[in-house]
PDB file of N, CA and C in Angstrom:
ATOM      1  N   MET A   1     118.164  90.953  50.703  1.00  0.00           N
ATOM      2  CA  MET A   1     117.713  91.910  51.905  1.00  0.00           C
ATOM      3  C   MET A   1     117.524  91.293  53.212  1.00  0.00           C
ATOM      4  N   TRP A   2     117.880  91.195  54.393  1.00  0.00           N
ATOM      5  CA  TRP A   2     117.837  90.731  55.380  1.00  0.00           C
ATOM      6  C   TRP A   2     116.501  91.056  55.757  1.00  0.00           C
ATOM      7  N   TRP A   3     115.871  91.741  55.709  1.00  0.00           N
ATOM      8  CA  TRP A   3     114.315  92.612  56.111  1.00  0.00           C
ATOM      9  C   TRP A   3     113.318  92.335  54.694  1.00  0.00           C
ATOM     10  N   ASP A   4     112.452  91.318  55.366  1.00  0.00           N
ATOM     11  CA  ASP A   4     111.585  91.339  54.045  1.00  0.00           C
ATOM     12  C   ASP A   4     110.041  91.787  54.473  1.00  0.00           C
ATOM     13  N   TRP A   5     109.742  93.090  53.979  1.00  0.00           N
ATOM     14  CA  TRP A   5     108.372  93.988  54.597  1.00  0.00           C
ATOM     15  C   TRP A   5     107.059  92.393  54.246  1.00  0.00           C
ATOM     16  N   ASN A   6     107.467  92.055  53.316  1.00  0.00           N
ATOM     17  CA  ASN A   6     106.102  91.219  52.786  1.00  0.00           C
ATOM     18  C   ASN A   6     105.745  90.119  53.161  1.00  0.00           C
ATOM     19  N   THR A   7     106.792  89.620  54.081  1.00  0.00           N
ATOM     20  CA  THR A   7     106.558  88.639  54.733  1.00  0.00           C
ATOM     21  C   THR A   7     105.460  88.558  55.695  1.00  0.00           C
ATOM     22  N   TRP A   8     104.918  87.827  56.505  1.00  0.00           N
ATOM     23  CA  TRP A   8     103.914  88.086  57.856  1.00  0.00           C
ATOM     24  C   TRP A   8     105.137  88.376  58.565  1.00  0.00           C
ATOM     25  N   GLY A   9     105.947  88.142  59.560  1.00  0.00           N
ATOM     26  CA  GLY A   9     106.598  88.160  60.134  1.00  0.00           C
ATOM     27  C   GLY A   9     106.753  90.106  60.471  1.00  0.00           C
ATOM     28  N   GLY A  10     107.433  89.892  59.082  1.00  0.00           N
ATOM     29  CA  GLY A  10     107.839  91.823  58.688  1.00  0.00           C
ATOM     30  C   GLY A  10     107.178  92.876  58.357  1.00  0.00           C
ATOM     31  N   TRP A  11     105.468  92.122  58.389  1.00  0.00           N
ATOM     32  CA  TRP A  11     104.365  93.411  58.472  1.00  0.00           C
ATOM     33  C   TRP A  11     104.195  93.451  60.058  1.00  0.00           C
ATOM     34  N   TRP A  12     104.114  92.961  61.011  1.00  0.00           N
ATOM     35  CA  TRP A  12     104.060  92.635  62.671  1.00  0.00           C
ATOM     36  C   TRP A  12     104.749  93.524  62.722  1.00  0.00           C
ATOM     37  N   ALA A  13     106.549  93.090  62.312  1.00  0.00           N
ATOM     38  CA  ALA A  13     107.276  94.415  62.987  1.00  0.00           C
ATOM     39  C   ALA A  13     107.107  95.314  62.757  1.00  0.00           C
ATOM     40  N   GLY A  14     106.549  95.896  61.814  1.00  0.00           N
ATOM     41  CA  GLY A  14     106.604  97.179  61.137  1.00  0.00           C
ATOM     42  C   GLY A  14     105.919  98.010  61.940  1.00  0.00           C
ATOM     43  N   MET A  15     103.979  97.205  62.182  1.00  0.00           N
ATOM     44  CA  MET A  15     103.575  97.701  62.831  1.00  0.00           C
ATOM     45  C   MET A  15     103.374  98.264  64.522  1.00  0.00           C
ATOM     46  N   ILE A  16     104.241  97.271  65.152  1.00  0.00           N
ATOM     47  CA  ILE A  16     104.455  97.242  66.665  1.00  0.00           C
ATOM     48  C   ILE A  16     105.336  98.489  66.528  1.00  0.00           C
ATOM     49  N   VAL A  17     106.787  98.820  65.347  1.00  0.00           N
ATOM     50  CA  VAL A  17     107.270 100.201  65.165  1.00  0.00           C
ATOM     51  C   VAL A  17     106.436 101.046  65.404  1.00  0.00           C
ATOM     52  N   MET A  18     105.762 101.033  64.356  1.00  0.00           N
ATOM     53  CA  MET A  18     105.103 102.373  64.043  1.00  0.00           C
ATOM     54  C   MET A  18     104.477 102.649  65.297  1.00  0.00           C
ATOM     55  N   MET A  19     103.634 101.753  66.133  1.00  0.00           N
ATOM     56  CA  MET A  19     102.587 101.932  67.058  1.00  0.00           C
ATOM     57  C   MET A  19     103.370 102.169  68.491  1.00  0.00           C
ATOM     58  N   LEU A  20     104.446 101.636  68.387  1.00  0.00           N
ATOM     59  CA  LEU A  20     105.741 102.824  69.600  1.00  0.00           C
ATOM     60  C   LEU A  20     105.965 103.822  69.101  1.00  0.00           C
ATOM     61  N   LEU A  21     106.506 104.144  68.036  1.00  0.00           N
ATOM     62  CA  LEU A  21     106.778 105.486  67.756  1.00  0.00           C
ATOM     63  C   LEU A  21     105.341 107.135  67.528  1.00  0.00           C
ATOM     64  N   MET A  22     104.133 105.819  67.703  1.00  0.00           N
ATOM     65  CA  MET A  22     103.075 106.898  67.654  1.00  0.00           C
ATOM     66  C   MET A  22     102.809 106.922  69.358  1.00  0.00           C
ATOM     67  N   LEU A  23     103.028 105.975  69.871  1.00  0.00           N
ATOM     68  CA  LEU A  23     102.736 106.057  71.436  1.00  0.00           C
ATOM     69  C   LEU A  23     104.122 107.434  72.213  1.00  0.00           C
ATOM     70  N   ILE A  24     105.442 107.020  71.537  1.00  0.00           N
ATOM     71  CA  ILE A  24     105.851 107.924  72.351  1.00  0.00           C
ATOM     72  C   ILE A  24     105.680 109.467  71.667  1.00  0.00           C
ATOM     73  N   PHE A  25     105.413 109.559  70.619  1.00  0.00           N
ATOM     74  CA  PHE A  25     104.999 110.736  70.027  1.00  0.00           C
ATOM     75  C   PHE A  25     104.064 111.329  70.593  1.00  0.00           C
ATOM     76  N   TRP A  26     103.144 110.690  70.921  1.00  0.00           N
ATOM     77  CA  TRP A  26     101.485 111.588  71.524  1.00  0.00           C
ATOM     78  C   TRP A  26     101.889 111.365  72.850  1.00  0.00           C
ATOM     79  N   GLY A  27     102.772 110.717  73.459  1.00  0.00           N
ATOM     80  CA  GLY A  27     103.393 110.335  75.005  1.00  0.00           C
ATOM     81  C   GLY A  27     104.180 112.141  75.431  1.00  0.00           C
ATOM     82  N   GLY A  28     105.207 112.518  74.064  1.00  0.00           N
ATOM     83  CA  GLY A  28     105.603 113.613  74.448  1.00  0.00           C
ATOM     84  C   GLY A  28     104.419 114.667  74.205  1.00  0.00           C
ATOM     85  N   VAL A  29     103.441 114.417  73.041  1.00  0.00           N
ATOM     86  CA  VAL A  29     102.344 115.783  73.095  1.00  0.00           C
ATOM     87  C   VAL A  29     101.563 116.132  74.315  1.00  0.00           C
ATOM     88  N   ILE A  30     101.384 115.148  75.189  1.00  0.00           N
ATOM     89  CA  ILE A  30     100.525 115.103  76.535  1.00  0.00           C
ATOM     90  C   ILE A  30     101.290 115.394  77.463  1.00  0.00           C
ATOM     91  N   ALA A  31     102.768 114.942  77.470  1.00  0.00           N
ATOM     92  CA  ALA A  31     103.818 115.383  78.512  1.00  0.00           C
ATOM     93  C   ALA A  31     104.216 116.772  78.350  1.00  0.00           C
ATOM     94  N   LEU A  32     104.377 117.552  77.398  1.00  0.00           N
ATOM     95  CA  LEU A  32     104.189 119.318  76.858  1.00  0.00           C
ATOM     96  C   LEU A  32     103.023 119.738  77.489  1.00  0.00           C
ATOM     97  N   ILE A  33     102.036 119.236  77.122  1.00  0.00           N
ATOM     98  CA  ILE A  33     100.531 120.190  77.542  1.00  0.00           C
ATOM     99  C   ILE A  33     100.680 120.451  78.789  1.00  0.00           C
ATOM    100  N   VAL A  34     100.845 118.976  79.394  1.00  0.00           N
ATOM    101  CA  VAL A  34     100.528 119.048  81.244  1.00  0.00           C
ATOM    102  C   VAL A  34     101.739 119.783  81.712  1.00  0.00           C
ATOM    103  N   TRP A  35     102.973 120.082  81.374  1.00  0.00           N
ATOM    104  CA  TRP A  35     103.674 120.745  81.858  1.00  0.00           C
ATOM    105  C   TRP A  35     103.451 122.330  81.411  1.00  0.00           C
ATOM    106  N   ALA A  36     103.136 122.695  80.626  1.00  0.00           N
ATOM    107  CA  ALA A  36     102.354 123.817  80.244  1.00  0.00           C
ATOM    108  C   ALA A  36     101.461 124.407  81.001  1.00  0.00           C
ATOM    109  N   ILE A  37     100.574 123.593  81.151  1.00  0.00           N
ATOM    110  CA  ILE A  37      99.257 124.185  82.333  1.00  0.00           C
ATOM    111  C   ILE A  37     100.042 124.092  84.098  1.00  0.00           C
ATOM    112  N   ALA A  38     100.705 123.076  83.871  1.00  0.00           N
ATOM    113  CA  ALA A  38     101.239 123.386  85.098  1.00  0.00           C
ATOM    114  C   ALA A  38     102.163 124.609  85.478  1.00  0.00           C
ATOM    115  N   LYS A  39     102.985 124.676  84.283  1.00  0.00           N
ATOM    116  CA  LYS A  39     103.774 126.348  84.797  1.00  0.00           C
ATOM    117  C   LYS A  39     103.242 127.192  84.266  1.00  0.00           C
ATOM    118  N   PHE A  40     101.931 127.320  83.861  1.00  0.00           N
ATOM    119  CA  PHE A  40     101.248 128.813  84.304  1.00  0.00           C
ATOM    120  C   PHE A  40     100.019 128.739  85.587  1.00  0.00           C
ATOM    121  N   ALA A  41      99.654 127.220  85.753  1.00  0.00           N
ATOM    122  CA  ALA A  41      99.233 127.454  87.061  1.00  0.00           C
ATOM    123  C   ALA A  41     100.077 128.056  88.387  1.00  0.00           C
ATOM    124  N   ARG A  42     101.312 127.475  88.559  1.00  0.00           N
ATOM    125  CA  ARG A  42     102.481 127.982  89.026  1.00  0.00           C
ATOM    126  C   ARG A  42     102.720 129.685  89.192  1.00  0.00           C
ATOM    127  N   ARG A  43     102.571 130.184  88.005  1.00  0.00           N
ATOM    128  CA  ARG A  43     102.773 131.583  87.954  1.00  0.00           C
ATOM    129  C   ARG A  43     101.198 132.450  88.506  1.00  0.00           C
ATOM    130  N   GLU A  44     100.165 131.749  88.098  1.00  0.00           N
ATOM    131  CA  GLU A  44      98.853 132.176  88.700  1.00  0.00           C
ATOM    132  C   GLU A  44      99.159 132.329  90.102  1.00  0.00           C
ATOM    133  N   ALA A  45      99.337 130.977  90.507  1.00  0.00           N
ATOM    134  CA  ALA A  45      99.360 131.339  92.225  1.00  0.00           C
ATOM    135  C   ALA A  45     100.097 132.153  93.051  1.00  0.00           C
ATOM    136  N   SER A  46     101.286 132.122  92.192  1.00  0.00           N
ATOM    137  CA  SER A  46     102.392 133.135  92.896  1.00  0.00           C
ATOM    138  C   SER A  46     101.782 134.974  92.410  1.00  0.00           C
ATOM    139  N   GLY A  47     100.696 134.680  91.913  1.00  0.00           N
ATOM    140  CA  GLY A  47     100.368 136.256  91.820  1.00  0.00           C
ATOM    141  C   GLY A  47     101.275 137.322  90.628  1.00  0.00           C
ATOM    142  N   GLU A  48     102.261 136.425  89.557  1.00  0.00           N
ATOM    143  CA  GLU A  48     103.313 136.984  88.973  1.00  0.00           C
ATOM    144  C   GLU A  48     102.315 137.404  87.403  1.00  0.00           C
ATOM    145  N   LEU A  49     101.393 137.280  87.489  1.00  0.00           N
ATOM    146  CA  LEU A  49     100.694 137.370  85.972  1.00  0.00           C
ATOM    147  C   LEU A  49      99.909 138.514  86.493  1.00  0.00           C
ATOM    148  N   ARG A  50      99.158 138.346  87.572  1.00  0.00           N
ATOM    149  CA  ARG A  50      98.310 139.568  87.784  1.00  0.00           C
ATOM    150  C   ARG A  50      99.502 140.747  88.635  1.00  0.00           C
ATOM    151  N   GLY A  51     100.756 140.974  88.026  1.00  0.00           N
ATOM    152  CA  GLY A  51     101.282 141.640  88.697  1.00  0.00           C
ATOM    153  C   GLY A  51     102.040 142.345  90.019  1.00  0.00           C
ATOM    154  N   GLU A  52     101.453 141.311  90.821  1.00  0.00           N
ATOM    155  CA  GLU A  52     101.683 141.695  92.228  1.00  0.00           C
ATOM    156  C   GLU A  52     103.107 141.588  92.592  1.00  0.00           C
ATOM    157  N   LYS A  53     103.877 142.097  93.344  1.00  0.00           N
ATOM    158  CA  LYS A  53     104.593 142.683  93.347  1.00  0.00           C
ATOM    159  C   LYS A  53     104.974 142.271  94.997  1.00  0.00           C
ATOM    160  N   ARG A  54     105.571 140.836  95.694  1.00  0.00           N
ATOM    161  CA  ARG A  54     106.108 140.928  97.114  1.00  0.00           C
ATOM    162  C   ARG A  54     107.169 141.334  97.456  1.00  0.00           C
ATOM    163  N   ASN A  55     106.386 141.541  98.987  1.00  0.00           N
ATOM    164  CA  ASN A  55     107.441 142.335 100.165  1.00  0.00           C
ATOM    165  C   ASN A  55     108.716 141.583 100.005  1.00  0.00           C
ATOM    166  N   PRO A  56     109.421 141.432 100.225  1.00  0.00           N
ATOM    167  CA  PRO A  56     111.069 140.771 100.862  1.00  0.00           C
ATOM    168  C   PRO A  56     110.236 140.137 102.041  1.00  0.00           C
ATOM    169  N   LEU A  57     109.931 140.723 102.879  1.00  0.00           N
ATOM    170  CA  LEU A  57     109.582 139.788 104.573  1.00  0.00           C
ATOM    171  C   LEU A  57     108.603 138.726 103.930  1.00  0.00           C
ATOM    172  N   ASP A  58     107.571 139.099 103.453  1.00  0.00           N
ATOM    173  CA  ASP A  58     107.361 137.602 102.982  1.00  0.00           C
ATOM    174  C   ASP A  58     107.640 137.112 102.818  1.00  0.00           C
ATOM    175  N   ILE A  59     108.711 137.103 101.754  1.00  0.00           N
ATOM    176  CA  ILE A  59     109.696 135.933 100.702  1.00  0.00           C
ATOM    177  C   ILE A  59     110.281 135.400 102.341  1.00  0.00           C
ATOM    178  N   ALA A  60     110.652 135.795 102.927  1.00  0.00           N
ATOM    179  CA  ALA A  60     111.740 135.746 104.145  1.00  0.00           C
ATOM    180  C   ALA A  60     111.181 134.855 104.822  1.00  0.00           C
ATOM    181  N   LYS A  61     109.693 135.012 105.553  1.00  0.00           N
ATOM    182  CA  LYS A  61     109.208 134.380 106.266  1.00  0.00           C
ATOM    183  C   LYS A  61     108.598 133.438 105.469  1.00  0.00           C
ATOM    184  N   GLU A  62     108.241 133.321 104.332  1.00  0.00           N
ATOM    185  CA  GLU A  62     107.738 131.486 103.466  1.00  0.00           C
ATOM    186  C   GLU A  62     108.892 130.851 103.749  1.00  0.00           C
ATOM    187  N   ARG A  63     110.373 131.004 103.032  1.00  0.00           N
ATOM    188  CA  ARG A  63     111.396 130.412 103.307  1.00  0.00           C
ATOM    189  C   ARG A  63     111.675 130.470 104.365  1.00  0.00           C
ATOM    190  N   TYR A  64     111.380 131.113 105.876  1.00  0.00           N
ATOM    191  CA  TYR A  64     111.762 130.354 107.191  1.00  0.00           C
ATOM    192  C   TYR A  64     111.062 129.254 107.353  1.00  0.00           C
ATOM    193  N   ALA A  65     109.313 129.817 106.875  1.00  0.00           N
ATOM    194  CA  ALA A  65     108.339 128.307 107.093  1.00  0.00           C
ATOM    195  C   ALA A  65     108.936 127.318 106.226  1.00  0.00           C
ATOM    196  N   GLN A  66     109.552 127.321 105.269  1.00  0.00           N
ATOM    197  CA  GLN A  66     110.204 126.137 104.348  1.00  0.00           C
ATOM    198  C   GLN A  66     110.896 125.128 104.850  1.00  0.00           C
ATOM    199  N   GLY A  67     111.597 125.843 106.246  1.00  0.00           N
ATOM    200  CA  GLY A  67     112.688 125.556 106.739  1.00  0.00           C
ATOM    201  C   GLY A  67     114.033 125.934 105.886  1.00  0.00           C
ATOM    202  N   GLU A  68     113.894 126.839 104.974  1.00  0.00           N
ATOM    203  CA  GLU A  68     115.062 127.093 104.014  1.00  0.00           C
ATOM    204  C   GLU A  68     116.010 128.185 104.579  1.00  0.00           C
ATOM    205  N   ILE A  69     115.683 128.761 105.679  1.00  0.00           N
ATOM    206  CA  ILE A  69     116.729 129.734 105.859  1.00  0.00           C
ATOM    207  C   ILE A  69     116.629 129.758 107.441  1.00  0.00           C
ATOM    208  N   THR A  70     117.481 129.538 108.691  1.00  0.00           N
ATOM    209  CA  THR A  70     117.518 129.202 109.981  1.00  0.00           C
ATOM    210  C   THR A  70     117.110 130.575 110.426  1.00  0.00           C
ATOM    211  N   LYS A  71     116.725 130.662 111.793  1.00  0.00           N
ATOM    212  CA  LYS A  71     115.688 132.148 112.747  1.00  0.00           C
ATOM    213  C   LYS A  71     116.890 133.037 112.642  1.00  0.00           C
ATOM    214  N   GLU A  72     118.839 132.406 112.530  1.00  0.00           N
ATOM    215  CA  GLU A  72     119.608 133.561 112.983  1.00  0.00           C
ATOM    216  C   GLU A  72     118.995 134.321 111.603  1.00  0.00           C
ATOM    217  N   GLN A  73     119.171 133.522 110.574  1.00  0.00           N
ATOM    218  CA  GLN A  73     119.427 134.370 108.614  1.00  0.00           C
ATOM    219  C   GLN A  73     117.950 134.997 108.835  1.00  0.00           C
ATOM    220  N   PHE A  74     116.596 134.996 109.502  1.00  0.00           N
ATOM    221  CA  PHE A  74     115.507 135.186 109.147  1.00  0.00           C
ATOM    222  C   PHE A  74     115.877 136.569 110.051  1.00  0.00           C
ATOM    223  N   GLU A  75     116.310 136.790 111.159  1.00  0.00           N
ATOM    224  CA  GLU A  75     116.194 137.873 111.761  1.00  0.00           C
ATOM    225  C   GLU A  75     117.404 138.874 111.387  1.00  0.00           C
ATOM    226  N   GLN A  76     118.434 138.538 110.454  1.00  0.00           N
ATOM    227  CA  GLN A  76     119.244 139.527 110.538  1.00  0.00           C
ATOM    228  C   GLN A  76     118.407 140.148 108.538  1.00  0.00           C
ATOM    229  N   ILE A  77     117.552 139.080 108.201  1.00  0.00           N
ATOM    230  CA  ILE A  77     116.916 139.907 106.787  1.00  0.00           C
ATOM    231  C   ILE A  77     115.637 140.936 107.496  1.00  0.00           C
ATOM    232  N   LYS A  78     115.476 140.314 108.692  1.00  0.00           N
ATOM    233  CA  LYS A  78     114.389 141.853 109.283  1.00  0.00           C
ATOM    234  C   LYS A  78     115.349 143.080 109.519  1.00  0.00           C
ATOM    235  N   LYS A  79     116.481 142.717 109.846  1.00  0.00           N
ATOM    236  CA  LYS A  79     117.184 143.974 110.581  1.00  0.00           C
ATOM    237  C   LYS A  79     117.155 145.030 109.052  1.00  0.00           C
ATOM    238  N   THR A  80     117.855 144.277 107.979  1.00  0.00           N
ATOM    239  CA  THR A  80     117.895 144.759 107.122  1.00  0.00           C
ATOM    240  C   THR A  80     116.860 145.449 106.022  1.00  0.00           C
TER     241      THR A  80
END
């Protein structure tokens, strides 16, 4: 066998691999928790969880303020 776990070097190599796998696992768990909290916070901030309906004109105002639509597009939305 080319890899002997009973030698000093094999034991350390195994420990390093196990530590890296543990780090990847717990990093993934922590990233998943942070993602879930951020997603919940965004939904709460937008009023989606409280059941608030947003007015289309308010949405158009936000999009215009963020630069997503032009003034002409905003005026067209206001007309319709």
